[in-house]
Amino acid sequence: MLEVRFENHNRTIQVEPGANLREAAIGAKLGIYAHIFKLLNCRGRGLCGTCRVEILSGQVADRNEVENKKLAKALQKNPNLRLACQITVENNLVVRSHV
């Protein structure tokens, strides 16, 4: 089992290697969506860009084209932003959700 620490929630969850970060957070009842996006989101397809997280420590695969497109402007201010729906957890992580 791997550990993912959600810094702004002050919680650490256990996840299986290969788990999707968005699904793991939702399964642990951790909010990764702000406001109306709790209901109105793309359900993990990378289309809306509302499941932004900041990787504080740990390694994840490089951003894919979907993330590069959705996060283009935001990456200029913070290069550590990712979409939780596009992250496969393969290492222990510390993340901050943007809710």
N, C-alpha and C. Protein backbone atom coordinates (compact mmCIF):
# COMPACT_ATOMS: atom_id res chain seq x y z
N MET A 1 0.85 -1.19 0.00
CA MET A 1 0.00 0.00 0.00
C MET A 1 0.88 1.24 0.00
N LEU A 2 0.38 2.25 -0.67
CA LEU A 2 1.06 3.54 -0.73
C LEU A 2 0.28 4.56 0.09
N GLU A 3 0.94 5.63 0.49
CA GLU A 3 0.29 6.68 1.26
C GLU A 3 0.21 7.96 0.44
N VAL A 4 -0.95 8.57 0.50
CA VAL A 4 -1.14 9.89 -0.12
C VAL A 4 -1.61 10.82 0.99
N ARG A 5 -0.81 11.83 1.23
CA ARG A 5 -1.11 12.83 2.26
C ARG A 5 -1.76 14.03 1.60
N PHE A 6 -2.96 14.37 2.04
CA PHE A 6 -3.65 15.57 1.57
C PHE A 6 -3.40 16.64 2.62
N GLU A 7 -2.43 17.50 2.32
CA GLU A 7 -1.96 18.48 3.30
C GLU A 7 -3.06 19.39 3.81
N ASN A 8 -3.87 19.94 2.92
CA ASN A 8 -4.88 20.90 3.37
C ASN A 8 -6.06 20.24 4.09
N HIS A 9 -6.19 18.93 4.00
CA HIS A 9 -7.22 18.21 4.75
C HIS A 9 -6.63 17.57 6.02
N ASN A 10 -5.29 17.62 6.14
CA ASN A 10 -4.60 17.01 7.26
C ASN A 10 -4.96 15.53 7.41
N ARG A 11 -4.99 14.84 6.27
CA ARG A 11 -5.32 13.40 6.26
C ARG A 11 -4.39 12.66 5.33
N THR A 12 -4.10 11.43 5.71
CA THR A 12 -3.32 10.53 4.88
C THR A 12 -4.18 9.32 4.59
N ILE A 13 -4.22 8.93 3.32
CA ILE A 13 -4.99 7.75 2.94
C ILE A 13 -4.06 6.69 2.37
N GLN A 14 -4.49 5.46 2.48
CA GLN A 14 -3.76 4.33 1.92
C GLN A 14 -4.38 3.99 0.56
N VAL A 15 -3.54 3.81 -0.44
CA VAL A 15 -4.04 3.46 -1.77
C VAL A 15 -3.21 2.33 -2.35
N GLU A 16 -3.84 1.55 -3.20
CA GLU A 16 -3.14 0.49 -3.91
C GLU A 16 -2.28 1.11 -5.01
N PRO A 17 -1.12 0.55 -5.28
CA PRO A 17 -0.34 1.02 -6.43
C PRO A 17 -1.17 0.94 -7.70
N GLY A 18 -1.11 1.98 -8.50
CA GLY A 18 -1.88 2.02 -9.74
C GLY A 18 -3.25 2.65 -9.60
N ALA A 19 -3.61 3.07 -8.39
CA ALA A 19 -4.91 3.70 -8.16
C ALA A 19 -4.94 5.09 -8.78
N ASN A 20 -6.11 5.52 -9.19
CA ASN A 20 -6.32 6.86 -9.70
C ASN A 20 -6.49 7.81 -8.51
N LEU A 21 -5.77 8.92 -8.52
CA LEU A 21 -5.79 9.84 -7.38
C LEU A 21 -7.18 10.42 -7.13
N ARG A 22 -7.89 10.80 -8.17
CA ARG A 22 -9.25 11.34 -8.01
C ARG A 22 -10.17 10.33 -7.35
N GLU A 23 -10.16 9.11 -7.86
CA GLU A 23 -11.03 8.07 -7.32
C GLU A 23 -10.67 7.72 -5.89
N ALA A 24 -9.38 7.70 -5.58
CA ALA A 24 -8.94 7.41 -4.21
C ALA A 24 -9.42 8.50 -3.25
N ALA A 25 -9.31 9.75 -3.66
CA ALA A 25 -9.76 10.87 -2.81
C ALA A 25 -11.26 10.82 -2.59
N ILE A 26 -12.01 10.59 -3.64
CA ILE A 26 -13.47 10.51 -3.50
C ILE A 26 -13.86 9.32 -2.63
N GLY A 27 -13.19 8.19 -2.81
CA GLY A 27 -13.47 7.01 -1.99
C GLY A 27 -13.20 7.24 -0.51
N ALA A 28 -12.24 8.11 -0.22
CA ALA A 28 -11.91 8.44 1.17
C ALA A 28 -12.71 9.64 1.69
N LYS A 29 -13.66 10.10 0.88
CA LYS A 29 -14.52 11.23 1.23
C LYS A 29 -13.73 12.52 1.46
N LEU A 30 -12.71 12.71 0.64
CA LEU A 30 -11.94 13.95 0.65
C LEU A 30 -12.39 14.81 -0.51
N GLY A 31 -12.75 16.04 -0.23
CA GLY A 31 -13.22 16.93 -1.27
C GLY A 31 -12.09 17.45 -2.13
N ILE A 32 -12.19 17.21 -3.42
CA ILE A 32 -11.21 17.78 -4.34
C ILE A 32 -11.86 18.78 -5.29
N TYR A 33 -13.18 18.88 -5.22
CA TYR A 33 -13.92 19.82 -6.06
C TYR A 33 -14.48 20.95 -5.21
N ALA A 34 -14.37 22.16 -5.73
CA ALA A 34 -14.91 23.33 -5.03
C ALA A 34 -16.30 23.66 -5.55
N HIS A 35 -17.11 24.17 -4.67
CA HIS A 35 -18.41 24.75 -4.99
C HIS A 35 -19.29 23.84 -5.85
N ILE A 36 -19.81 24.38 -6.90
CA ILE A 36 -20.75 23.68 -7.77
C ILE A 36 -20.09 22.52 -8.53
N PHE A 37 -18.77 22.55 -8.60
CA PHE A 37 -18.06 21.50 -9.33
C PHE A 37 -18.12 20.15 -8.63
N LYS A 38 -18.62 20.14 -7.38
CA LYS A 38 -18.87 18.85 -6.72
C LYS A 38 -19.90 18.06 -7.51
N LEU A 39 -20.81 18.77 -8.15
CA LEU A 39 -21.86 18.14 -8.96
C LEU A 39 -21.56 18.23 -10.45
N LEU A 40 -21.02 19.36 -10.86
CA LEU A 40 -20.78 19.59 -12.28
C LEU A 40 -19.30 19.43 -12.60
N ASN A 41 -18.88 18.21 -12.83
CA ASN A 41 -17.51 17.95 -13.25
C ASN A 41 -17.54 16.88 -14.33
N CYS A 42 -16.43 16.61 -14.92
CA CYS A 42 -16.39 15.71 -16.08
C CYS A 42 -16.25 14.24 -15.69
N ARG A 43 -16.32 13.95 -14.40
CA ARG A 43 -16.26 12.57 -13.90
C ARG A 43 -14.94 11.86 -14.24
N GLY A 44 -13.87 12.63 -14.24
CA GLY A 44 -12.55 12.02 -14.38
C GLY A 44 -12.03 11.86 -15.79
N ARG A 45 -12.59 12.58 -16.73
CA ARG A 45 -12.13 12.45 -18.11
C ARG A 45 -11.13 13.53 -18.51
N GLY A 46 -10.81 14.45 -17.60
CA GLY A 46 -9.84 15.48 -17.88
C GLY A 46 -10.37 16.62 -18.73
N LEU A 47 -11.67 16.75 -18.82
CA LEU A 47 -12.27 17.77 -19.68
C LEU A 47 -12.53 19.09 -18.99
N CYS A 48 -12.75 19.07 -17.68
CA CYS A 48 -13.16 20.31 -17.01
C CYS A 48 -12.01 21.01 -16.29
N GLY A 49 -11.02 20.29 -15.84
CA GLY A 49 -9.89 20.91 -15.15
C GLY A 49 -10.17 21.34 -13.73
N THR A 50 -11.24 20.85 -13.12
CA THR A 50 -11.61 21.32 -11.78
C THR A 50 -11.05 20.46 -10.64
N CYS A 51 -10.38 19.37 -10.95
CA CYS A 51 -9.81 18.52 -9.89
C CYS A 51 -8.32 18.80 -9.71
N ARG A 52 -7.97 20.06 -9.79
CA ARG A 52 -6.56 20.46 -9.67
C ARG A 52 -6.00 20.11 -8.30
N VAL A 53 -4.80 19.58 -8.33
CA VAL A 53 -4.04 19.35 -7.11
C VAL A 53 -2.61 19.83 -7.35
N GLU A 54 -1.94 20.15 -6.28
CA GLU A 54 -0.54 20.53 -6.36
C GLU A 54 0.28 19.39 -5.75
N ILE A 55 1.24 18.90 -6.48
CA ILE A 55 2.12 17.84 -5.98
C ILE A 55 3.21 18.52 -5.16
N LEU A 56 3.21 18.27 -3.86
CA LEU A 56 4.19 18.88 -2.96
C LEU A 56 5.42 18.01 -2.81
N SER A 57 5.24 16.71 -2.81
CA SER A 57 6.38 15.79 -2.80
C SER A 57 5.95 14.44 -3.34
N GLY A 58 6.92 13.71 -3.83
CA GLY A 58 6.66 12.43 -4.46
C GLY A 58 6.70 12.58 -5.97
N GLN A 59 6.83 11.46 -6.64
CA GLN A 59 6.94 11.49 -8.09
C GLN A 59 5.71 10.91 -8.76
N VAL A 60 5.31 11.56 -9.83
CA VAL A 60 4.22 11.07 -10.67
C VAL A 60 4.70 11.14 -12.11
N ALA A 61 4.01 10.43 -12.99
CA ALA A 61 4.36 10.45 -14.40
C ALA A 61 4.22 11.85 -14.96
N ASP A 62 4.86 12.10 -16.07
CA ASP A 62 4.77 13.40 -16.73
C ASP A 62 3.33 13.72 -17.11
N ARG A 63 3.05 15.01 -17.22
CA ARG A 63 1.73 15.45 -17.65
C ARG A 63 1.44 14.93 -19.05
N ASN A 64 0.18 14.57 -19.26
CA ASN A 64 -0.23 14.17 -20.61
C ASN A 64 -0.77 15.40 -21.35
N GLU A 65 -1.14 15.21 -22.59
CA GLU A 65 -1.62 16.32 -23.42
C GLU A 65 -2.89 16.96 -22.86
N VAL A 66 -3.77 16.14 -22.27
CA VAL A 66 -5.01 16.65 -21.68
C VAL A 66 -4.68 17.66 -20.58
N GLU A 67 -3.76 17.29 -19.70
CA GLU A 67 -3.37 18.19 -18.60
C GLU A 67 -2.68 19.44 -19.14
N ASN A 68 -1.77 19.27 -20.07
CA ASN A 68 -1.07 20.43 -20.62
C ASN A 68 -2.05 21.44 -21.20
N LYS A 69 -3.08 20.96 -21.85
CA LYS A 69 -4.07 21.85 -22.46
C LYS A 69 -4.92 22.55 -21.39
N LYS A 70 -5.43 21.79 -20.41
CA LYS A 70 -6.32 22.36 -19.39
C LYS A 70 -5.59 23.27 -18.41
N LEU A 71 -4.32 22.99 -18.17
CA LEU A 71 -3.58 23.73 -17.14
C LEU A 71 -2.61 24.75 -17.72
N ALA A 72 -2.66 25.00 -19.01
CA ALA A 72 -1.65 25.84 -19.68
C ALA A 72 -1.41 27.17 -18.96
N LYS A 73 -2.45 27.91 -18.68
CA LYS A 73 -2.28 29.23 -18.04
C LYS A 73 -1.85 29.09 -16.58
N ALA A 74 -2.44 28.15 -15.87
CA ALA A 74 -2.15 27.98 -14.44
C ALA A 74 -0.72 27.51 -14.21
N LEU A 75 -0.16 26.76 -15.15
CA LEU A 75 1.21 26.25 -14.98
C LEU A 75 2.25 27.35 -15.01
N GLN A 76 1.91 28.48 -15.59
CA GLN A 76 2.84 29.60 -15.60
C GLN A 76 3.07 30.12 -14.18
N LYS A 77 2.05 30.03 -13.34
CA LYS A 77 2.16 30.47 -11.95
C LYS A 77 2.62 29.36 -11.03
N ASN A 78 2.20 28.13 -11.31
CA ASN A 78 2.53 27.01 -10.44
C ASN A 78 2.79 25.76 -11.28
N PRO A 79 4.06 25.43 -11.52
CA PRO A 79 4.39 24.28 -12.36
C PRO A 79 4.11 22.92 -11.72
N ASN A 80 3.69 22.90 -10.46
CA ASN A 80 3.43 21.63 -9.77
C ASN A 80 1.96 21.22 -9.84
N LEU A 81 1.14 21.97 -10.57
CA LEU A 81 -0.28 21.62 -10.67
C LEU A 81 -0.49 20.43 -11.57
N ARG A 82 -1.46 19.61 -11.19
CA ARG A 82 -1.85 18.45 -11.98
C ARG A 82 -3.36 18.28 -11.86
N LEU A 83 -3.92 17.44 -12.70
CA LEU A 83 -5.33 17.05 -12.58
C LEU A 83 -5.36 15.71 -11.87
N ALA A 84 -6.06 15.63 -10.76
CA ALA A 84 -6.11 14.40 -9.98
C ALA A 84 -6.65 13.23 -10.81
N CYS A 85 -7.55 13.53 -11.72
CA CYS A 85 -8.15 12.47 -12.54
C CYS A 85 -7.16 11.85 -13.51
N GLN A 86 -6.03 12.48 -13.73
CA GLN A 86 -5.05 11.98 -14.69
C GLN A 86 -3.82 11.38 -14.01
N ILE A 87 -3.85 11.28 -12.69
CA ILE A 87 -2.68 10.78 -11.95
C ILE A 87 -2.90 9.34 -11.49
N THR A 88 -1.96 8.50 -11.85
CA THR A 88 -1.90 7.14 -11.34
C THR A 88 -0.88 7.14 -10.20
N VAL A 89 -1.30 6.70 -9.04
CA VAL A 89 -0.42 6.73 -7.87
C VAL A 89 0.52 5.53 -7.92
N GLU A 90 1.81 5.81 -8.03
CA GLU A 90 2.84 4.77 -8.07
C GLU A 90 3.87 4.94 -6.96
N ASN A 91 3.78 6.05 -6.22
CA ASN A 91 4.70 6.35 -5.13
C ASN A 91 3.92 7.06 -4.03
N ASN A 92 4.52 7.15 -2.84
CA ASN A 92 3.92 7.96 -1.79
C ASN A 92 3.92 9.42 -2.25
N LEU A 93 2.85 10.12 -1.95
CA LEU A 93 2.68 11.50 -2.39
C LEU A 93 2.23 12.40 -1.26
N VAL A 94 2.55 13.66 -1.37
CA VAL A 94 1.96 14.71 -0.55
C VAL A 94 1.36 15.69 -1.53
N VAL A 95 0.06 15.94 -1.41
CA VAL A 95 -0.63 16.81 -2.35
C VAL A 95 -1.46 17.85 -1.59
N ARG A 96 -1.78 18.91 -2.31
CA ARG A 96 -2.68 19.93 -1.78
C ARG A 96 -3.79 20.10 -2.82
N SER A 97 -5.03 19.86 -2.40
CA SER A 97 -6.12 20.08 -3.34
C SER A 97 -6.48 21.55 -3.33
N HIS A 98 -7.07 22.00 -4.41
CA HIS A 98 -7.38 23.42 -4.56
C HIS A 98 -8.88 23.65 -4.40
N VAL A 99 -9.39 23.36 -3.21
CA VAL A 99 -10.79 23.60 -2.90
C VAL A 99 -10.91 24.69 -1.88
